[in-house]
Amino acid sequence: MSDRSLPRTERLRSLGAIRRLFDEGQGGFVFPFRYVWYAETDVVPSVEVLFSVPKKFHKRANKRNLLRRRTKEAYRLGKQTLARAECTANIDLALIYSSKEVLSYRKIDHALQRILEQIAAHL
């Protein structure tokens, strides 16, 4: 597959991994995202990501789907930032959209790039 794709293996699906992420992970906020990440060393390096748009802020499913699609696209195109960090860790990342506004793709992409740069700097 292309290095710019987002295959199922790069999506965080394991309930145990999600629990560990929220229990032991580090987090932060970059408007409009709250993010939590957890890095586990001494394993095969990979990045798994979880996208969430809570129903609390966007009641209509079409708006949640739109924001989730924009976030996935921004991540898919910008995930090379973490690959360039040359880390040897398994990174789990949760991106939670936390704004009541439906922002443009450009603002979402900018925020996501800042998040990925911050995580890469910690590694």
PDB file of N, CA and C in Angstrom:
ATOM      1  N   MET A   1       0.829  -1.198   0.000  1.00  0.00           N
ATOM      2  CA  MET A   1       0.000   0.000   0.000  1.00  0.00           C
ATOM      3  C   MET A   1       0.865   1.250   0.000  1.00  0.00           C
ATOM      4  N   SER A   2       0.280   2.312  -0.404  1.00  0.00           N
ATOM      5  CA  SER A   2       0.976   3.585  -0.428  1.00  0.00           C
ATOM      6  C   SER A   2       1.272   4.044   0.995  1.00  0.00           C
ATOM      7  N   ASP A   3       2.350   4.777   1.162  1.00  0.00           N
ATOM      8  CA  ASP A   3       2.680   5.286   2.486  1.00  0.00           C
ATOM      9  C   ASP A   3       1.741   6.408   2.920  1.00  0.00           C
ATOM     10  N   ARG A   4       0.894   6.872   2.020  1.00  0.00           N
ATOM     11  CA  ARG A   4      -0.071   7.911   2.359  1.00  0.00           C
ATOM     12  C   ARG A   4      -1.475   7.362   2.593  1.00  0.00           C
ATOM     13  N   SER A   5      -1.605   6.058   2.649  1.00  0.00           N
ATOM     14  CA  SER A   5      -2.919   5.475   2.884  1.00  0.00           C
ATOM     15  C   SER A   5      -3.154   5.360   4.389  1.00  0.00           C
ATOM     16  N   LEU A   6      -4.339   4.979   4.770  1.00  0.00           N
ATOM     17  CA  LEU A   6      -4.673   4.764   6.173  1.00  0.00           C
ATOM     18  C   LEU A   6      -5.345   3.400   6.294  1.00  0.00           C
ATOM     19  N   PRO A   7      -4.537   2.325   6.273  1.00  0.00           N
ATOM     20  CA  PRO A   7      -5.123   0.985   6.336  1.00  0.00           C
ATOM     21  C   PRO A   7      -5.682   0.681   7.718  1.00  0.00           C
ATOM     22  N   ARG A   8      -6.433  -0.381   7.781  1.00  0.00           N
ATOM     23  CA  ARG A   8      -7.069  -0.767   9.027  1.00  0.00           C
ATOM     24  C   ARG A   8      -6.048  -1.077  10.120  1.00  0.00           C
ATOM     25  N   THR A   9      -4.882  -1.538   9.734  1.00  0.00           N
ATOM     26  CA  THR A   9      -3.851  -1.865  10.725  1.00  0.00           C
ATOM     27  C   THR A   9      -3.318  -0.632  11.446  1.00  0.00           C
ATOM     28  N   GLU A  10      -3.555   0.554  10.903  1.00  0.00           N
ATOM     29  CA  GLU A  10      -3.102   1.794  11.537  1.00  0.00           C
ATOM     30  C   GLU A  10      -4.196   2.452  12.363  1.00  0.00           C
ATOM     31  N   ARG A  11      -5.336   1.800  12.490  1.00  0.00           N
ATOM     32  CA  ARG A  11      -6.410   2.342  13.315  1.00  0.00           C
ATOM     33  C   ARG A  11      -6.422   1.625  14.649  1.00  0.00           C
ATOM     34  N   LEU A  12      -6.602   2.368  15.718  1.00  0.00           N
ATOM     35  CA  LEU A  12      -6.606   1.816  17.067  1.00  0.00           C
ATOM     36  C   LEU A  12      -7.972   1.198  17.329  1.00  0.00           C
ATOM     37  N   ARG A  13      -8.001  -0.142  17.474  1.00  0.00           N
ATOM     38  CA  ARG A  13      -9.272  -0.834  17.643  1.00  0.00           C
ATOM     39  C   ARG A  13      -9.326  -1.675  18.916  1.00  0.00           C
ATOM     40  N   SER A  14      -8.206  -2.039  19.461  1.00  0.00           N
ATOM     41  CA  SER A  14      -8.155  -2.919  20.614  1.00  0.00           C
ATOM     42  C   SER A  14      -8.657  -2.205  21.866  1.00  0.00           C
ATOM     43  N   LEU A  15      -9.621  -2.829  22.537  1.00  0.00           N
ATOM     44  CA  LEU A  15     -10.192  -2.228  23.738  1.00  0.00           C
ATOM     45  C   LEU A  15      -9.139  -2.095  24.843  1.00  0.00           C
ATOM     46  N   GLY A  16      -8.263  -3.085  24.955  1.00  0.00           N
ATOM     47  CA  GLY A  16      -7.197  -3.018  25.955  1.00  0.00           C
ATOM     48  C   GLY A  16      -6.229  -1.889  25.672  1.00  0.00           C
ATOM     49  N   ALA A  17      -5.886  -1.705  24.408  1.00  0.00           N
ATOM     50  CA  ALA A  17      -4.973  -0.621  24.036  1.00  0.00           C
ATOM     51  C   ALA A  17      -5.624   0.744  24.269  1.00  0.00           C
ATOM     52  N   ILE A  18      -6.915   0.846  24.006  1.00  0.00           N
ATOM     53  CA  ILE A  18      -7.618   2.117  24.226  1.00  0.00           C
ATOM     54  C   ILE A  18      -7.673   2.439  25.715  1.00  0.00           C
ATOM     55  N   ARG A  19      -7.945   1.434  26.542  1.00  0.00           N
ATOM     56  CA  ARG A  19      -7.953   1.655  27.999  1.00  0.00           C
ATOM     57  C   ARG A  19      -6.583   2.102  28.485  1.00  0.00           C
ATOM     58  N   ARG A  20      -5.540   1.405  28.025  1.00  0.00           N
ATOM     59  CA  ARG A  20      -4.173   1.756  28.429  1.00  0.00           C
ATOM     60  C   ARG A  20      -3.836   3.182  27.986  1.00  0.00           C
ATOM     61  N   LEU A  21      -4.272   3.535  26.793  1.00  0.00           N
ATOM     62  CA  LEU A  21      -4.015   4.872  26.261  1.00  0.00           C
ATOM     63  C   LEU A  21      -4.589   5.945  27.174  1.00  0.00           C
ATOM     64  N   PHE A  22      -5.848   5.785  27.570  1.00  0.00           N
ATOM     65  CA  PHE A  22      -6.483   6.812  28.390  1.00  0.00           C
ATOM     66  C   PHE A  22      -6.072   6.737  29.860  1.00  0.00           C
ATOM     67  N   ASP A  23      -5.620   5.578  30.333  1.00  0.00           N
ATOM     68  CA  ASP A  23      -5.162   5.458  31.722  1.00  0.00           C
ATOM     69  C   ASP A  23      -3.739   5.971  31.910  1.00  0.00           C
ATOM     70  N   GLU A  24      -2.842   5.624  30.973  1.00  0.00           N
ATOM     71  CA  GLU A  24      -1.427   5.900  31.167  1.00  0.00           C
ATOM     72  C   GLU A  24      -0.843   6.914  30.189  1.00  0.00           C
ATOM     73  N   GLY A  25      -1.636   7.365  29.222  1.00  0.00           N
ATOM     74  CA  GLY A  25      -1.116   8.237  28.175  1.00  0.00           C
ATOM     75  C   GLY A  25      -0.942   9.680  28.606  1.00  0.00           C
ATOM     76  N   GLN A  26      -0.200  10.399  27.797  1.00  0.00           N
ATOM     77  CA  GLN A  26      -0.007  11.832  27.984  1.00  0.00           C
ATOM     78  C   GLN A  26      -0.944  12.551  27.034  1.00  0.00           C
ATOM     79  N   GLY A  27      -1.331  13.759  27.386  1.00  0.00           N
ATOM     80  CA  GLY A  27      -2.278  14.458  26.534  1.00  0.00           C
ATOM     81  C   GLY A  27      -2.003  15.931  26.424  1.00  0.00           C
ATOM     82  N   GLY A  28      -2.862  16.576  25.680  1.00  0.00           N
ATOM     83  CA  GLY A  28      -2.760  18.003  25.490  1.00  0.00           C
ATOM     84  C   GLY A  28      -3.946  18.508  24.700  1.00  0.00           C
ATOM     85  N   PHE A  29      -3.912  19.794  24.398  1.00  0.00           N
ATOM     86  CA  PHE A  29      -4.998  20.411  23.649  1.00  0.00           C
ATOM     87  C   PHE A  29      -4.419  21.390  22.644  1.00  0.00           C
ATOM     88  N   VAL A  30      -4.802  21.218  21.405  1.00  0.00           N
ATOM     89  CA  VAL A  30      -4.512  22.167  20.338  1.00  0.00           C
ATOM     90  C   VAL A  30      -5.839  22.388  19.644  1.00  0.00           C
ATOM     91  N   PHE A  31      -6.353  23.605  19.689  1.00  0.00           N
ATOM     92  CA  PHE A  31      -7.681  23.872  19.160  1.00  0.00           C
ATOM     93  C   PHE A  31      -7.800  23.356  17.735  1.00  0.00           C
ATOM     94  N   PRO A  32      -8.778  22.586  17.421  1.00  0.00           N
ATOM     95  CA  PRO A  32      -9.968  22.132  18.130  1.00  0.00           C
ATOM     96  C   PRO A  32      -9.861  20.711  18.673  1.00  0.00           C
ATOM     97  N   PHE A  33      -8.647  20.192  18.870  1.00  0.00           N
ATOM     98  CA  PHE A  33      -8.482  18.800  19.285  1.00  0.00           C
ATOM     99  C   PHE A  33      -7.948  18.671  20.693  1.00  0.00           C
ATOM    100  N   ARG A  34      -8.487  17.700  21.410  1.00  0.00           N
ATOM    101  CA  ARG A  34      -7.865  17.182  22.609  1.00  0.00           C
ATOM    102  C   ARG A  34      -7.191  15.900  22.143  1.00  0.00           C
ATOM    103  N   TYR A  35      -5.962  15.705  22.510  1.00  0.00           N
ATOM    104  CA  TYR A  35      -5.263  14.503  22.062  1.00  0.00           C
ATOM    105  C   TYR A  35      -4.616  13.798  23.237  1.00  0.00           C
ATOM    106  N   VAL A  36      -4.553  12.478  23.126  1.00  0.00           N
ATOM    107  CA  VAL A  36      -3.904  11.633  24.120  1.00  0.00           C
ATOM    108  C   VAL A  36      -3.021  10.667  23.349  1.00  0.00           C
ATOM    109  N   TRP A  37      -1.788  10.492  23.811  1.00  0.00           N
ATOM    110  CA  TRP A  37      -0.883   9.563  23.142  1.00  0.00           C
ATOM    111  C   TRP A  37      -0.106   8.764  24.164  1.00  0.00           C
ATOM    112  N   TYR A  38       0.262   7.570  23.747  1.00  0.00           N
ATOM    113  CA  TYR A  38       1.011   6.649  24.605  1.00  0.00           C
ATOM    114  C   TYR A  38       2.056   5.958  23.743  1.00  0.00           C
ATOM    115  N   ALA A  39       3.294   5.954  24.194  1.00  0.00           N
ATOM    116  CA  ALA A  39       4.379   5.321  23.452  1.00  0.00           C
ATOM    117  C   ALA A  39       4.916   4.152  24.263  1.00  0.00           C
ATOM    118  N   GLU A  40       4.997   3.010  23.603  1.00  0.00           N
ATOM    119  CA  GLU A  40       5.523   1.806  24.234  1.00  0.00           C
ATOM    120  C   GLU A  40       6.794   1.403  23.488  1.00  0.00           C
ATOM    121  N   THR A  41       7.891   1.324  24.209  1.00  0.00           N
ATOM    122  CA  THR A  41       9.166   0.985  23.573  1.00  0.00           C
ATOM    123  C   THR A  41       9.394  -0.522  23.591  1.00  0.00           C
ATOM    124  N   ASP A  42      10.453  -0.956  22.953  1.00  0.00           N
ATOM    125  CA  ASP A  42      10.854  -2.362  22.882  1.00  0.00           C
ATOM    126  C   ASP A  42       9.835  -3.242  22.174  1.00  0.00           C
ATOM    127  N   VAL A  43       9.135  -2.676  21.220  1.00  0.00           N
ATOM    128  CA  VAL A  43       8.196  -3.436  20.393  1.00  0.00           C
ATOM    129  C   VAL A  43       8.397  -3.026  18.941  1.00  0.00           C
ATOM    130  N   VAL A  44       7.681  -3.663  18.061  1.00  0.00           N
ATOM    131  CA  VAL A  44       7.759  -3.302  16.643  1.00  0.00           C
ATOM    132  C   VAL A  44       7.218  -1.888  16.474  1.00  0.00           C
ATOM    133  N   PRO A  45       7.983  -0.969  15.870  1.00  0.00           N
ATOM    134  CA  PRO A  45       7.503   0.409  15.731  1.00  0.00           C
ATOM    135  C   PRO A  45       6.296   0.500  14.809  1.00  0.00           C
ATOM    136  N   SER A  46       5.268   1.149  15.302  1.00  0.00           N
ATOM    137  CA  SER A  46       4.061   1.386  14.504  1.00  0.00           C
ATOM    138  C   SER A  46       3.290   2.530  15.140  1.00  0.00           C
ATOM    139  N   VAL A  47       2.347   3.053  14.396  1.00  0.00           N
ATOM    140  CA  VAL A  47       1.485   4.122  14.899  1.00  0.00           C
ATOM    141  C   VAL A  47       0.043   3.699  14.649  1.00  0.00           C
ATOM    142  N   GLU A  48      -0.762   3.734  15.707  1.00  0.00           N
ATOM    143  CA  GLU A  48      -2.184   3.449  15.585  1.00  0.00           C
ATOM    144  C   GLU A  48      -2.938   4.662  16.103  1.00  0.00           C
ATOM    145  N   VAL A  49      -4.008   5.028  15.416  1.00  0.00           N
ATOM    146  CA  VAL A  49      -4.704   6.264  15.734  1.00  0.00           C
ATOM    147  C   VAL A  49      -6.208   6.015  15.844  1.00  0.00           C
ATOM    148  N   LEU A  50      -6.851   6.779  16.723  1.00  0.00           N
ATOM    149  CA  LEU A  50      -8.280   6.713  16.963  1.00  0.00           C
ATOM    150  C   LEU A  50      -8.854   8.103  16.732  1.00  0.00           C
ATOM    151  N   PHE A  51      -9.934   8.202  15.970  1.00  0.00           N
ATOM    152  CA  PHE A  51     -10.578   9.479  15.681  1.00  0.00           C
ATOM    153  C   PHE A  51     -11.932   9.508  16.368  1.00  0.00           C
ATOM    154  N   SER A  52     -12.246  10.621  17.027  1.00  0.00           N
ATOM    155  CA  SER A  52     -13.523  10.714  17.718  1.00  0.00           C
ATOM    156  C   SER A  52     -14.102  12.125  17.571  1.00  0.00           C
ATOM    157  N   VAL A  53     -15.390  12.175  17.257  1.00  0.00           N
ATOM    158  CA  VAL A  53     -16.136  13.433  17.242  1.00  0.00           C
ATOM    159  C   VAL A  53     -17.361  13.191  18.119  1.00  0.00           C
ATOM    160  N   PRO A  54     -17.358  13.708  19.352  1.00  0.00           N
ATOM    161  CA  PRO A  54     -18.425  13.393  20.300  1.00  0.00           C
ATOM    162  C   PRO A  54     -19.798  13.922  19.883  1.00  0.00           C
ATOM    163  N   LYS A  55     -20.785  13.143  20.214  1.00  0.00           N
ATOM    164  CA  LYS A  55     -22.172  13.511  19.945  1.00  0.00           C
ATOM    165  C   LYS A  55     -22.597  14.692  20.825  1.00  0.00           C
ATOM    166  N   LYS A  56     -21.870  14.911  21.902  1.00  0.00           N
ATOM    167  CA  LYS A  56     -22.173  16.013  22.818  1.00  0.00           C
ATOM    168  C   LYS A  56     -22.148  17.365  22.108  1.00  0.00           C
ATOM    169  N   PHE A  57     -21.196  17.540  21.177  1.00  0.00           N
ATOM    170  CA  PHE A  57     -21.062  18.816  20.493  1.00  0.00           C
ATOM    171  C   PHE A  57     -21.768  18.867  19.153  1.00  0.00           C
ATOM    172  N   HIS A  58     -21.873  17.739  18.475  1.00  0.00           N
ATOM    173  CA  HIS A  58     -22.486  17.699  17.141  1.00  0.00           C
ATOM    174  C   HIS A  58     -23.538  16.599  17.126  1.00  0.00           C
ATOM    175  N   LYS A  59     -24.773  16.988  17.247  1.00  0.00           N
ATOM    176  CA  LYS A  59     -25.871  16.030  17.349  1.00  0.00           C
ATOM    177  C   LYS A  59     -26.143  15.310  16.034  1.00  0.00           C
ATOM    178  N   ARG A  60     -25.944  15.987  14.932  1.00  0.00           N
ATOM    179  CA  ARG A  60     -26.256  15.402  13.628  1.00  0.00           C
ATOM    180  C   ARG A  60     -25.101  14.533  13.137  1.00  0.00           C
ATOM    181  N   ALA A  61     -25.431  13.336  12.723  1.00  0.00           N
ATOM    182  CA  ALA A  61     -24.408  12.382  12.286  1.00  0.00           C
ATOM    183  C   ALA A  61     -23.651  12.876  11.063  1.00  0.00           C
ATOM    184  N   ASN A  62     -24.337  13.604  10.175  1.00  0.00           N
ATOM    185  CA  ASN A  62     -23.637  14.067   8.972  1.00  0.00           C
ATOM    186  C   ASN A  62     -22.527  15.052   9.318  1.00  0.00           C
ATOM    187  N   LYS A  63     -22.694  15.866  10.346  1.00  0.00           N
ATOM    188  CA  LYS A  63     -21.623  16.786  10.761  1.00  0.00           C
ATOM    189  C   LYS A  63     -20.475  16.014  11.414  1.00  0.00           C
ATOM    190  N   ARG A  64     -20.814  15.027  12.243  1.00  0.00           N
ATOM    191  CA  ARG A  64     -19.767  14.212  12.868  1.00  0.00           C
ATOM    192  C   ARG A  64     -18.961  13.472  11.807  1.00  0.00           C
ATOM    193  N   ASN A  65     -19.644  12.922  10.828  1.00  0.00           N
ATOM    194  CA  ASN A  65     -18.955  12.201   9.753  1.00  0.00           C
ATOM    195  C   ASN A  65     -18.069  13.135   8.933  1.00  0.00           C
ATOM    196  N   LEU A  66     -18.561  14.330   8.653  1.00  0.00           N
ATOM    197  CA  LEU A  66     -17.775  15.310   7.904  1.00  0.00           C
ATOM    198  C   LEU A  66     -16.484  15.654   8.650  1.00  0.00           C
ATOM    199  N   LEU A  67     -16.600  15.925   9.943  1.00  0.00           N
ATOM    200  CA  LEU A  67     -15.424  16.282  10.736  1.00  0.00           C
ATOM    201  C   LEU A  67     -14.468  15.099  10.875  1.00  0.00           C
ATOM    202  N   ARG A  68     -14.998  13.910  11.025  1.00  0.00           N
ATOM    203  CA  ARG A  68     -14.151  12.723  11.113  1.00  0.00           C
ATOM    204  C   ARG A  68     -13.415  12.487   9.798  1.00  0.00           C
ATOM    205  N   ARG A  69     -14.093  12.678   8.674  1.00  0.00           N
ATOM    206  CA  ARG A  69     -13.443  12.525   7.368  1.00  0.00           C
ATOM    207  C   ARG A  69     -12.338  13.558   7.171  1.00  0.00           C
ATOM    208  N   ARG A  70     -12.604  14.797   7.558  1.00  0.00           N
ATOM    209  CA  ARG A  70     -11.584  15.845   7.425  1.00  0.00           C
ATOM    210  C   ARG A  70     -10.373  15.535   8.302  1.00  0.00           C
ATOM    211  N   THR A  71     -10.624  15.048   9.503  1.00  0.00           N
ATOM    212  CA  THR A  71      -9.531  14.714  10.416  1.00  0.00           C
ATOM    213  C   THR A  71      -8.718  13.547   9.879  1.00  0.00           C
ATOM    214  N   LYS A  72      -9.383  12.519   9.391  1.00  0.00           N
ATOM    215  CA  LYS A  72      -8.674  11.362   8.829  1.00  0.00           C
ATOM    216  C   LYS A  72      -7.821  11.766   7.636  1.00  0.00           C
ATOM    217  N   GLU A  73      -8.365  12.609   6.789  1.00  0.00           N
ATOM    218  CA  GLU A  73      -7.616  13.048   5.604  1.00  0.00           C
ATOM    219  C   GLU A  73      -6.389  13.860   6.006  1.00  0.00           C
ATOM    220  N   ALA A  74      -6.554  14.758   6.968  1.00  0.00           N
ATOM    221  CA  ALA A  74      -5.423  15.563   7.432  1.00  0.00           C
ATOM    222  C   ALA A  74      -4.354  14.676   8.056  1.00  0.00           C
ATOM    223  N   TYR A  75      -4.769  13.685   8.828  1.00  0.00           N
ATOM    224  CA  TYR A  75      -3.794  12.767   9.432  1.00  0.00           C
ATOM    225  C   TYR A  75      -3.100  11.937   8.359  1.00  0.00           C
ATOM    226  N   ARG A  76      -3.879  11.428   7.426  1.00  0.00           N
ATOM    227  CA  ARG A  76      -3.337  10.570   6.373  1.00  0.00           C
ATOM    228  C   ARG A  76      -2.245  11.289   5.589  1.00  0.00           C
ATOM    229  N   LEU A  77      -2.468  12.564   5.289  1.00  0.00           N
ATOM    230  CA  LEU A  77      -1.495  13.319   4.515  1.00  0.00           C
ATOM    231  C   LEU A  77      -0.320  13.822   5.357  1.00  0.00           C
ATOM    232  N   GLY A  78      -0.500  13.911   6.675  1.00  0.00           N
ATOM    233  CA  GLY A  78       0.561  14.468   7.517  1.00  0.00           C
ATOM    234  C   GLY A  78       1.259  13.485   8.424  1.00  0.00           C
ATOM    235  N   LYS A  79       0.925  12.219   8.328  1.00  0.00           N
ATOM    236  CA  LYS A  79       1.497  11.249   9.261  1.00  0.00           C
ATOM    237  C   LYS A  79       2.997  11.024   9.065  1.00  0.00           C
ATOM    238  N   GLN A  80       3.551  11.526   7.987  1.00  0.00           N
ATOM    239  CA  GLN A  80       4.989  11.388   7.750  1.00  0.00           C
ATOM    240  C   GLN A  80       5.811  12.122   8.806  1.00  0.00           C
ATOM    241  N   THR A  81       5.199  13.079   9.509  1.00  0.00           N
ATOM    242  CA  THR A  81       5.893  13.809  10.567  1.00  0.00           C
ATOM    243  C   THR A  81       6.375  12.854  11.646  1.00  0.00           C
ATOM    244  N   LEU A  82       5.540  11.885  12.017  1.00  0.00           N
ATOM    245  CA  LEU A  82       5.941  10.905  13.025  1.00  0.00           C
ATOM    246  C   LEU A  82       6.966   9.922  12.467  1.00  0.00           C
ATOM    247  N   ALA A  83       6.857   9.605  11.188  1.00  0.00           N
ATOM    248  CA  ALA A  83       7.818   8.686  10.580  1.00  0.00           C
ATOM    249  C   ALA A  83       9.211   9.310  10.526  1.00  0.00           C
ATOM    250  N   ARG A  84       9.275  10.615  10.333  1.00  0.00           N
ATOM    251  CA  ARG A  84      10.560  11.309  10.272  1.00  0.00           C
ATOM    252  C   ARG A  84      11.239  11.401  11.633  1.00  0.00           C
ATOM    253  N   ALA A  85      10.479  11.192  12.711  1.00  0.00           N
ATOM    254  CA  ALA A  85      11.045  11.276  14.060  1.00  0.00           C
ATOM    255  C   ALA A  85      11.962  10.088  14.355  1.00  0.00           C
ATOM    256  N   GLU A  86      11.931   9.061  13.494  1.00  0.00           N
ATOM    257  CA  GLU A  86      12.775   7.881  13.627  1.00  0.00           C
ATOM    258  C   GLU A  86      12.675   7.262  15.008  1.00  0.00           C
ATOM    259  N   CYS A  87      11.476   7.108  15.481  1.00  0.00           N
ATOM    260  CA  CYS A  87      11.273   6.514  16.795  1.00  0.00           C
ATOM    261  C   CYS A  87      11.191   5.002  16.669  1.00  0.00           C
ATOM    262  N   THR A  88      11.543   4.317  17.734  1.00  0.00           N
ATOM    263  CA  THR A  88      11.465   2.860  17.770  1.00  0.00           C
ATOM    264  C   THR A  88      10.406   2.446  18.784  1.00  0.00           C
ATOM    265  N   ALA A  89       9.273   3.138  18.762  1.00  0.00           N
ATOM    266  CA  ALA A  89       8.216   2.867  19.721  1.00  0.00           C
ATOM    267  C   ALA A  89       6.900   2.619  19.005  1.00  0.00           C
ATOM    268  N   ASN A  90       6.029   1.932  19.698  1.00  0.00           N
ATOM    269  CA  ASN A  90       4.665   1.750  19.234  1.00  0.00           C
ATOM    270  C   ASN A  90       3.866   2.916  19.811  1.00  0.00           C
ATOM    271  N   ILE A  91       3.302   3.745  18.956  1.00  0.00           N
ATOM    272  CA  ILE A  91       2.587   4.938  19.396  1.00  0.00           C
ATOM    273  C   ILE A  91       1.098   4.735  19.178  1.00  0.00           C
ATOM    274  N   ASP A  92       0.330   4.941  20.248  1.00  0.00           N
ATOM    275  CA  ASP A  92      -1.126   4.959  20.157  1.00  0.00           C
ATOM    276  C   ASP A  92      -1.556   6.413  20.334  1.00  0.00           C
ATOM    277  N   LEU A  93      -2.461   6.864  19.485  1.00  0.00           N
ATOM    278  CA  LEU A  93      -2.865   8.269  19.482  1.00  0.00           C
ATOM    279  C   LEU A  93      -4.377   8.373  19.356  1.00  0.00           C
ATOM    280  N   ALA A  94      -4.994   9.181  20.213  1.00  0.00           N
ATOM    281  CA  ALA A  94      -6.429   9.456  20.125  1.00  0.00           C
ATOM    282  C   ALA A  94      -6.611  10.938  19.836  1.00  0.00           C
ATOM    283  N   LEU A  95      -7.391  11.244  18.810  1.00  0.00           N
ATOM    284  CA  LEU A  95      -7.705  12.622  18.440  1.00  0.00           C
ATOM    285  C   LEU A  95      -9.197  12.850  18.672  1.00  0.00           C
ATOM    286  N   ILE A  96      -9.518  13.741  19.609  1.00  0.00           N
ATOM    287  CA  ILE A  96     -10.907  14.005  19.966  1.00  0.00           C
ATOM    288  C   ILE A  96     -11.235  15.439  19.574  1.00  0.00           C
ATOM    289  N   TYR A  97     -12.154  15.580  18.647  1.00  0.00           N
ATOM    290  CA  TYR A  97     -12.570  16.902  18.166  1.00  0.00           C
ATOM    291  C   TYR A  97     -13.402  17.547  19.265  1.00  0.00           C
ATOM    292  N   SER A  98     -12.988  18.706  19.768  1.00  0.00           N
ATOM    293  CA  SER A  98     -13.617  19.296  20.941  1.00  0.00           C
ATOM    294  C   SER A  98     -14.143  20.702  20.715  1.00  0.00           C
ATOM    295  N   SER A  99     -14.645  20.978  19.545  1.00  0.00           N
ATOM    296  CA  SER A  99     -15.192  22.298  19.262  1.00  0.00           C
ATOM    297  C   SER A  99     -16.633  22.164  18.814  1.00  0.00           C
ATOM    298  N   LYS A 100     -17.432  23.155  19.135  1.00  0.00           N
ATOM    299  CA  LYS A 100     -18.829  23.149  18.694  1.00  0.00           C
ATOM    300  C   LYS A 100     -18.979  23.647  17.271  1.00  0.00           C
ATOM    301  N   GLU A 101     -17.910  24.224  16.734  1.00  0.00           N
ATOM    302  CA  GLU A 101     -17.938  24.755  15.370  1.00  0.00           C
ATOM    303  C   GLU A 101     -17.485  23.692  14.374  1.00  0.00           C
ATOM    304  N   VAL A 102     -18.014  23.776  13.168  1.00  0.00           N
ATOM    305  CA  VAL A 102     -17.531  22.934  12.078  1.00  0.00           C
ATOM    306  C   VAL A 102     -16.451  23.731  11.361  1.00  0.00           C
ATOM    307  N   LEU A 103     -15.203  23.376  11.623  1.00  0.00           N
ATOM    308  CA  LEU A 103     -14.085  24.130  11.064  1.00  0.00           C
ATOM    309  C   LEU A 103     -13.711  23.614   9.677  1.00  0.00           C
ATOM    310  N   SER A 104     -13.026  24.456   8.934  1.00  0.00           N
ATOM    311  CA  SER A 104     -12.587  24.087   7.592  1.00  0.00           C
ATOM    312  C   SER A 104     -11.464  23.072   7.673  1.00  0.00           C
ATOM    313  N   TYR A 105     -11.251  22.388   6.559  1.00  0.00           N
ATOM    314  CA  TYR A 105     -10.177  21.390   6.480  1.00  0.00           C
ATOM    315  C   TYR A 105      -8.826  22.048   6.751  1.00  0.00           C
ATOM    316  N   ARG A 106      -8.654  23.241   6.285  1.00  0.00           N
ATOM    317  CA  ARG A 106      -7.367  23.949   6.435  1.00  0.00           C
ATOM    318  C   ARG A 106      -7.001  24.139   7.913  1.00  0.00           C
ATOM    319  N   LYS A 107      -7.976  24.534   8.741  1.00  0.00           N
ATOM    320  CA  LYS A 107      -7.712  24.732  10.171  1.00  0.00           C
ATOM    321  C   LYS A 107      -7.475  23.395  10.872  1.00  0.00           C
ATOM    322  N   ILE A 108      -8.234  22.381  10.476  1.00  0.00           N
ATOM    323  CA  ILE A 108      -8.055  21.053  11.055  1.00  0.00           C
ATOM    324  C   ILE A 108      -6.672  20.519  10.714  1.00  0.00           C
ATOM    325  N   ASP A 109      -6.263  20.688   9.469  1.00  0.00           N
ATOM    326  CA  ASP A 109      -4.951  20.219   9.029  1.00  0.00           C
ATOM    327  C   ASP A 109      -3.834  20.924   9.789  1.00  0.00           C
ATOM    328  N   HIS A 110      -3.954  22.221   9.967  1.00  0.00           N
ATOM    329  CA  HIS A 110      -2.933  22.990  10.683  1.00  0.00           C
ATOM    330  C   HIS A 110      -2.823  22.501  12.132  1.00  0.00           C
ATOM    331  N   ALA A 111      -3.950  22.303  12.786  1.00  0.00           N
ATOM    332  CA  ALA A 111      -3.938  21.842  14.177  1.00  0.00           C
ATOM    333  C   ALA A 111      -3.340  20.446  14.280  1.00  0.00           C
ATOM    334  N   LEU A 112      -3.673  19.591  13.347  1.00  0.00           N
ATOM    335  CA  LEU A 112      -3.152  18.228  13.371  1.00  0.00           C
ATOM    336  C   LEU A 112      -1.649  18.192  13.148  1.00  0.00           C
ATOM    337  N   GLN A 113      -1.146  19.051  12.280  1.00  0.00           N
ATOM    338  CA  GLN A 113       0.304  19.132  12.064  1.00  0.00           C
ATOM    339  C   GLN A 113       1.017  19.576  13.337  1.00  0.00           C
ATOM    340  N   ARG A 114       0.432  20.522  14.060  1.00  0.00           N
ATOM    341  CA  ARG A 114       1.030  20.972  15.320  1.00  0.00           C
ATOM    342  C   ARG A 114       1.059  19.842  16.343  1.00  0.00           C
ATOM    343  N   ILE A 115      -0.014  19.053  16.399  1.00  0.00           N
ATOM    344  CA  ILE A 115      -0.074  17.925  17.332  1.00  0.00           C
ATOM    345  C   ILE A 115       1.003  16.906  16.997  1.00  0.00           C
ATOM    346  N   LEU A 116       1.105  16.542  15.732  1.00  0.00           N
ATOM    347  CA  LEU A 116       2.094  15.546  15.317  1.00  0.00           C
ATOM    348  C   LEU A 116       3.517  16.033  15.571  1.00  0.00           C
ATOM    349  N   GLU A 117       3.771  17.316  15.372  1.00  0.00           N
ATOM    350  CA  GLU A 117       5.091  17.879  15.642  1.00  0.00           C
ATOM    351  C   GLU A 117       5.419  17.836  17.131  1.00  0.00           C
ATOM    352  N   GLN A 118       4.417  18.110  17.975  1.00  0.00           N
ATOM    353  CA  GLN A 118       4.642  18.074  19.426  1.00  0.00           C
ATOM    354  C   GLN A 118       4.961  16.652  19.886  1.00  0.00           C
ATOM    355  N   ILE A 119       4.233  15.682  19.354  1.00  0.00           N
ATOM    356  CA  ILE A 119       4.490  14.289  19.735  1.00  0.00           C
ATOM    357  C   ILE A 119       5.866  13.853  19.256  1.00  0.00           C
ATOM    358  N   ALA A 120       6.215  14.219  18.029  1.00  0.00           N
ATOM    359  CA  ALA A 120       7.531  13.865  17.492  1.00  0.00           C
ATOM    360  C   ALA A 120       8.643  14.498  18.308  1.00  0.00           C
ATOM    361  N   ALA A 121       8.414  15.697  18.829  1.00  0.00           N
ATOM    362  CA  ALA A 121       9.428  16.361  19.636  1.00  0.00           C
ATOM    363  C   ALA A 121       9.643  15.629  20.966  1.00  0.00           C
ATOM    364  N   HIS A 122       8.578  15.054  21.528  1.00  0.00           N
ATOM    365  CA  HIS A 122       8.703  14.300  22.784  1.00  0.00           C
ATOM    366  C   HIS A 122       9.461  12.997  22.594  1.00  0.00           C
ATOM    367  N   LEU A 123       9.391  12.469  21.387  1.00  0.00           N
ATOM    368  CA  LEU A 123      10.064  11.182  21.136  1.00  0.00           C
ATOM    369  C   LEU A 123      11.516  11.447  20.824  1.00  0.00           C
TER     370      LEU A 123
END
